[in-house]
C-alpha atoms as a PDB file:
ATOM      1  CA  MET A   1     146.463 148.979 122.492  1.00  0.00           C
ATOM      2  CA  ARG A   2     143.999 151.709 121.617  1.00  0.00           C
ATOM      3  CA  PRO A   3     140.515 151.388 123.139  1.00  0.00           C
ATOM      4  CA  PRO A   4     138.691 151.067 119.766  1.00  0.00           C
ATOM      5  CA  ALA A   5     140.920 148.145 118.757  1.00  0.00           C
ATOM      6  CA  ALA A   6     140.424 146.480 122.140  1.00  0.00           C
ATOM      7  CA  ALA A   7     136.658 146.938 121.840  1.00  0.00           C
ATOM      8  CA  ALA A   8     136.664 145.415 118.343  1.00  0.00           C
ATOM      9  CA  ILE A   9     138.649 142.389 119.546  1.00  0.00           C
ATOM     10  CA  ALA A  10     136.379 141.881 122.550  1.00  0.00           C
ATOM     11  CA  ALA A  11     133.285 142.224 120.339  1.00  0.00           C
ATOM     12  CA  ALA A  12     134.658 139.676 117.870  1.00  0.00           C
ATOM     13  CA  VAL A  13     135.255 137.191 120.702  1.00  0.00           C
ATOM     14  CA  VAL A  14     131.699 137.694 122.006  1.00  0.00           C
ATOM     15  CA  LEU A  15     130.282 137.258 118.502  1.00  0.00           C
ATOM     16  CA  VAL A  16     132.162 134.014 117.801  1.00  0.00           C
ATOM     17  CA  ASP A  17     131.343 132.707 121.283  1.00  0.00           C
ATOM     18  CA  GLN A  18     127.632 133.448 121.016  1.00  0.00           C
ATOM     19  CA  LEU A  19     127.371 132.127 117.442  1.00  0.00           C
ATOM     20  CA  THR A  20     128.993 128.819 118.417  1.00  0.00           C
ATOM     21  CA  LYS A  21     126.723 128.513 121.458  1.00  0.00           C
ATOM     22  CA  ALA A  22     123.654 129.287 119.326  1.00  0.00           C
ATOM     23  CA  TRP A  23     124.745 126.627 116.846  1.00  0.00           C
ATOM     24  CA  ILE A  24     125.330 123.979 119.511  1.00  0.00           C
ATOM     25  CA  THR A  25     121.972 124.652 121.184  1.00  0.00           C
ATOM     26  CA  ALA A  26     120.180 124.518 117.820  1.00  0.00           C
ATOM     27  CA  VAL A  27     121.868 121.364 116.529  1.00  0.00           C
ATOM     28  CA  PHE A  28     122.553 119.286 119.649  1.00  0.00           C
ATOM     29  CA  PRO A  29     119.894 118.548 122.267  1.00  0.00           C
ATOM     30  CA  LEU A  30     121.091 119.113 125.821  1.00  0.00           C
ATOM     31  CA  GLY A  31     123.213 116.138 126.899  1.00  0.00           C
ATOM     32  CA  SER A  32     123.936 114.895 123.383  1.00  0.00           C
ATOM     33  CA  GLN A  33     127.421 114.355 122.058  1.00  0.00           C
ATOM     34  CA  ARG A  34     129.257 113.692 118.793  1.00  0.00           C
ATOM     35  CA  GLU A  35     132.747 112.293 118.396  1.00  0.00           C
ATOM     36  CA  VAL A  36     134.984 114.547 116.328  1.00  0.00           C
ATOM     37  CA  ILE A  37     138.355 112.889 116.952  1.00  0.00           C
ATOM     38  CA  PRO A  38     137.715 109.471 118.561  1.00  0.00           C
ATOM     39  CA  GLY A  39     139.592 109.041 121.799  1.00  0.00           C
ATOM     40  CA  LEU A  40     140.488 112.736 122.006  1.00  0.00           C
ATOM     41  CA  PHE A  41     137.760 115.297 121.217  1.00  0.00           C
ATOM     42  CA  ARG A  42     133.973 115.481 121.001  1.00  0.00           C
ATOM     43  CA  LEU A  43     131.193 118.042 120.990  1.00  0.00           C
ATOM     44  CA  VAL A  44     128.959 117.696 124.067  1.00  0.00           C
ATOM     45  CA  HIS A  45     126.052 120.026 124.818  1.00  0.00           C
ATOM     46  CA  THR A  46     126.217 120.740 128.558  1.00  0.00           C
ATOM     47  CA  ARG A  47     125.295 123.626 130.852  1.00  0.00           C
ATOM     48  CA  ASN A  48     127.263 125.090 133.732  1.00  0.00           C
ATOM     49  CA  ARG A  49     125.840 127.296 136.495  1.00  0.00           C
ATOM     50  CA  GLY A  50     129.172 127.485 138.295  1.00  0.00           C
ATOM     51  CA  ILE A  51     132.520 129.070 137.627  1.00  0.00           C
ATOM     52  CA  ALA A  52     135.671 127.435 136.267  1.00  0.00           C
ATOM     53  CA  PHE A  53     135.394 123.650 136.105  1.00  0.00           C
ATOM     54  CA  GLY A  54     131.800 123.805 137.389  1.00  0.00           C
ATOM     55  CA  LEU A  55     132.803 124.944 140.876  1.00  0.00           C
ATOM     56  CA  LEU A  56     129.805 126.225 142.873  1.00  0.00           C
ATOM     57  CA  GLY A  57     127.445 125.021 140.142  1.00  0.00           C
ATOM     58  CA  SER A  58     124.950 123.522 142.568  1.00  0.00           C
ATOM     59  CA  SER A  59     124.937 126.523 144.889  1.00  0.00           C
ATOM     60  CA  GLY A  60     121.814 128.485 145.724  1.00  0.00           C
ATOM     61  CA  PRO A  61     120.539 131.813 144.371  1.00  0.00           C
ATOM     62  CA  LEU A  62     122.596 133.954 146.756  1.00  0.00           C
ATOM     63  CA  VAL A  63     125.895 132.451 145.598  1.00  0.00           C
ATOM     64  CA  GLN A  64     124.759 132.629 141.968  1.00  0.00           C
ATOM     65  CA  THR A  65     123.994 136.336 142.415  1.00  0.00           C
ATOM     66  CA  LEU A  66     127.401 136.876 144.014  1.00  0.00           C
ATOM     67  CA  LEU A  67     129.074 135.073 141.084  1.00  0.00           C
ATOM     68  CA  LEU A  68     127.243 137.346 138.671  1.00  0.00           C
ATOM     69  CA  ALA A  69     128.365 140.412 140.662  1.00  0.00           C
ATOM     70  CA  VAL A  70     131.989 139.227 140.595  1.00  0.00           C
ATOM     71  CA  VAL A  71     131.860 138.765 136.817  1.00  0.00           C
ATOM     72  CA  VAL A  72     130.374 142.241 136.370  1.00  0.00           C
ATOM     73  CA  ALA A  73     133.137 143.688 138.578  1.00  0.00           C
ATOM     74  CA  VAL A  74     135.834 141.881 136.575  1.00  0.00           C
ATOM     75  CA  VAL A  75     134.343 143.198 133.327  1.00  0.00           C
ATOM     76  CA  ALA A  76     134.337 146.733 134.773  1.00  0.00           C
ATOM     77  CA  VAL A  77     138.004 146.472 135.781  1.00  0.00           C
ATOM     78  CA  LEU A  78     138.959 145.134 132.338  1.00  0.00           C
ATOM     79  CA  VAL A  79     137.053 147.935 130.578  1.00  0.00           C
ATOM     80  CA  TRP A  80     138.715 150.528 132.833  1.00  0.00           C
ATOM     81  CA  GLN A  81     142.167 149.059 132.226  1.00  0.00           C
ATOM     82  CA  LEU A  82     141.658 148.950 128.456  1.00  0.00           C
ATOM     83  CA  SER A  83     140.145 152.447 128.329  1.00  0.00           C
ATOM     84  CA  ARG A  84     143.440 153.855 129.576  1.00  0.00           C
ATOM     85  CA  GLY A  85     144.903 152.812 126.210  1.00  0.00           C
ATOM     86  CA  ASN A  86     148.498 152.649 127.337  1.00  0.00           C
ATOM     87  CA  GLY A  87     150.925 149.887 128.055  1.00  0.00           C
ATOM     88  CA  ASP A  88     152.173 146.861 126.239  1.00  0.00           C
ATOM     89  CA  ARG A  89     150.284 145.879 123.070  1.00  0.00           C
ATOM     90  CA  LEU A  90     150.537 142.168 123.893  1.00  0.00           C
ATOM     91  CA  ALA A  91     149.071 142.777 127.355  1.00  0.00           C
ATOM     92  CA  GLY A  92     146.334 144.921 125.787  1.00  0.00           C
ATOM     93  CA  LEU A  93     145.523 142.152 123.334  1.00  0.00           C
ATOM     94  CA  GLY A  94     145.372 139.655 126.179  1.00  0.00           C
ATOM     95  CA  LEU A  95     143.076 141.883 128.243  1.00  0.00           C
ATOM     96  CA  ALA A  96     140.788 142.454 125.246  1.00  0.00           C
ATOM     97  CA  VAL A  97     140.523 138.702 124.623  1.00  0.00           C
ATOM     98  CA  VAL A  98     139.814 138.063 128.326  1.00  0.00           C
ATOM     99  CA  LEU A  99     137.162 140.801 128.257  1.00  0.00           C
ATOM    100  CA  GLY A 100     135.480 139.215 125.244  1.00  0.00           C
ATOM    101  CA  GLY A 101     135.435 135.825 126.947  1.00  0.00           C
ATOM    102  CA  ALA A 102     134.069 137.265 130.176  1.00  0.00           C
ATOM    103  CA  LEU A 103     131.347 139.120 128.265  1.00  0.00           C
ATOM    104  CA  GLY A 104     130.471 135.982 126.306  1.00  0.00           C
ATOM    105  CA  ASN A 105     129.911 133.955 129.459  1.00  0.00           C
ATOM    106  CA  LEU A 106     128.196 136.896 131.187  1.00  0.00           C
ATOM    107  CA  THR A 107     125.754 137.068 128.276  1.00  0.00           C
ATOM    108  CA  ASP A 108     124.890 133.412 128.876  1.00  0.00           C
ATOM    109  CA  ARG A 109     124.404 133.972 132.609  1.00  0.00           C
ATOM    110  CA  LEU A 110     122.125 136.955 132.020  1.00  0.00           C
ATOM    111  CA  PHE A 111     119.971 135.403 129.293  1.00  0.00           C
ATOM    112  CA  ARG A 112     120.114 131.676 130.114  1.00  0.00           C
ATOM    113  CA  GLY A 113     120.962 131.642 133.817  1.00  0.00           C
ATOM    114  CA  GLU A 114     123.848 129.300 133.001  1.00  0.00           C
ATOM    115  CA  VAL A 115     126.729 128.950 130.564  1.00  0.00           C
ATOM    116  CA  VAL A 116     126.620 126.689 127.499  1.00  0.00           C
ATOM    117  CA  ASP A 117     129.684 124.440 127.267  1.00  0.00           C
ATOM    118  CA  PHE A 118     130.383 122.084 124.382  1.00  0.00           C
ATOM    119  CA  LEU A 119     134.079 121.451 123.768  1.00  0.00           C
ATOM    120  CA  ASP A 120     135.126 118.188 125.404  1.00  0.00           C
ATOM    121  CA  VAL A 121     138.765 117.087 125.373  1.00  0.00           C
ATOM    122  CA  TYR A 122     139.542 113.656 126.753  1.00  0.00           C
ATOM    123  CA  LEU A 123     142.005 110.815 126.442  1.00  0.00           C
ATOM    124  CA  ARG A 124     141.091 107.145 126.392  1.00  0.00           C
ATOM    125  CA  LEU A 125     143.894 105.029 127.807  1.00  0.00           C
ATOM    126  CA  GLY A 126     143.760 101.423 128.950  1.00  0.00           C
ATOM    127  CA  GLY A 127     139.979 101.294 128.816  1.00  0.00           C
ATOM    128  CA  ARG A 128     139.639 104.393 131.026  1.00  0.00           C
ATOM    129  CA  GLU A 129     138.635 107.855 129.955  1.00  0.00           C
ATOM    130  CA  HIS A 130     140.493 110.856 131.376  1.00  0.00           C
ATOM    131  CA  THR A 131     138.563 114.075 130.761  1.00  0.00           C
ATOM    132  CA  TRP A 132     139.157 117.776 131.017  1.00  0.00           C
ATOM    133  CA  PRO A 133     136.073 119.764 132.085  1.00  0.00           C
ATOM    134  CA  THR A 134     133.888 120.716 129.136  1.00  0.00           C
ATOM    135  CA  PHE A 135     134.405 124.324 128.019  1.00  0.00           C
ATOM    136  CA  ASN A 136     133.475 126.845 125.316  1.00  0.00           C
ATOM    137  CA  VAL A 137     135.026 129.538 123.098  1.00  0.00           C
ATOM    138  CA  ALA A 138     134.762 132.179 125.846  1.00  0.00           C
ATOM    139  CA  ASP A 139     136.596 129.937 128.310  1.00  0.00           C
ATOM    140  CA  SER A 140     139.330 129.336 125.734  1.00  0.00           C
ATOM    141  CA  CYS A 141     139.705 133.057 125.119  1.00  0.00           C
ATOM    142  CA  ILE A 142     139.917 133.812 128.838  1.00  0.00           C
ATOM    143  CA  THR A 143     142.703 131.237 129.172  1.00  0.00           C
ATOM    144  CA  VAL A 144     144.614 132.382 126.076  1.00  0.00           C
ATOM    145  CA  GLY A 145     144.180 136.053 127.004  1.00  0.00           C
ATOM    146  CA  ALA A 146     145.467 135.462 130.531  1.00  0.00           C
ATOM    147  CA  GLY A 147     148.445 133.641 129.033  1.00  0.00           C
ATOM    148  CA  LEU A 148     149.187 136.634 126.789  1.00  0.00           C
ATOM    149  CA  VAL A 149     149.063 139.006 129.778  1.00  0.00           C
ATOM    150  CA  ILE A 150     151.444 136.762 131.736  1.00  0.00           C
ATOM    151  CA  LEU A 151     153.768 136.534 128.730  1.00  0.00           C
ATOM    152  CA  ALA A 152     153.750 140.343 128.379  1.00  0.00           C
ATOM    153  CA  GLU A 153     154.549 140.759 132.072  1.00  0.00           C
ATOM    154  CA  LEU A 154     157.404 138.241 131.888  1.00  0.00           C
ATOM    155  CA  ARG A 155     158.784 139.981 128.815  1.00  0.00           C
ATOM    156  CA  ALA A 156     158.576 143.399 130.529  1.00  0.00           C
ATOM    157  CA  ALA A 157     160.324 142.047 133.626  1.00  0.00           C
ATOM    158  CA  ARG A 158     163.090 140.571 131.489  1.00  0.00           C
ATOM    159  CA  HIS A 159     163.591 143.875 129.666  1.00  0.00           C
ATOM    160  CA  LYS A 160     163.628 145.769 132.975  1.00  0.00           C
ATOM    161  CA  HIS A 161     166.178 143.344 134.402  1.00  0.00           C
ATOM    162  CA  ALA A 162     168.344 143.663 131.280  1.00  0.00           C
ATOM    163  CA  ALA A 163     168.189 147.467 131.449  1.00  0.00           C
ATOM    164  CA  GLN A 164     169.223 147.445 135.109  1.00  0.00           C
ATOM    165  CA  ALA A 165     172.161 145.162 134.315  1.00  0.00           C
ATOM    166  CA  ASP A 166     173.554 147.666 131.793  1.00  0.00           C
END
């Protein structure tokens, strides 16, 4: 994938992520929720100072600063990798989507000191509620992008194995 295309994809992800977070913060007071699909999906305005699934969310300023440094380092590696402009297009797409997600959450950390989460998937069975941690568009893009990179790597390995068999 060419660097300008990767940059456009990453920018689009950041834009959608930040617009949805701006909407949720404007429309839903912190802690409020609205059922979208009863028993399955709701919008919930929450905040997360931690990393994936809220890990390290209650840690002190030193750990929070280290988390921020790790995110900046990851963004730098992704930008470097994409700037090379070579390789599999699917992997490039995946990296661009991951970069956009990382930048979206980094923007929150820099300007809010925490990440806005609002997508809440759950399942109500037998009177009990089983929930997945609340997430946002950036989190979704990081997950989907990582999946695309893994898929590209598996596809490349399969092609390499097939070529060696010939």
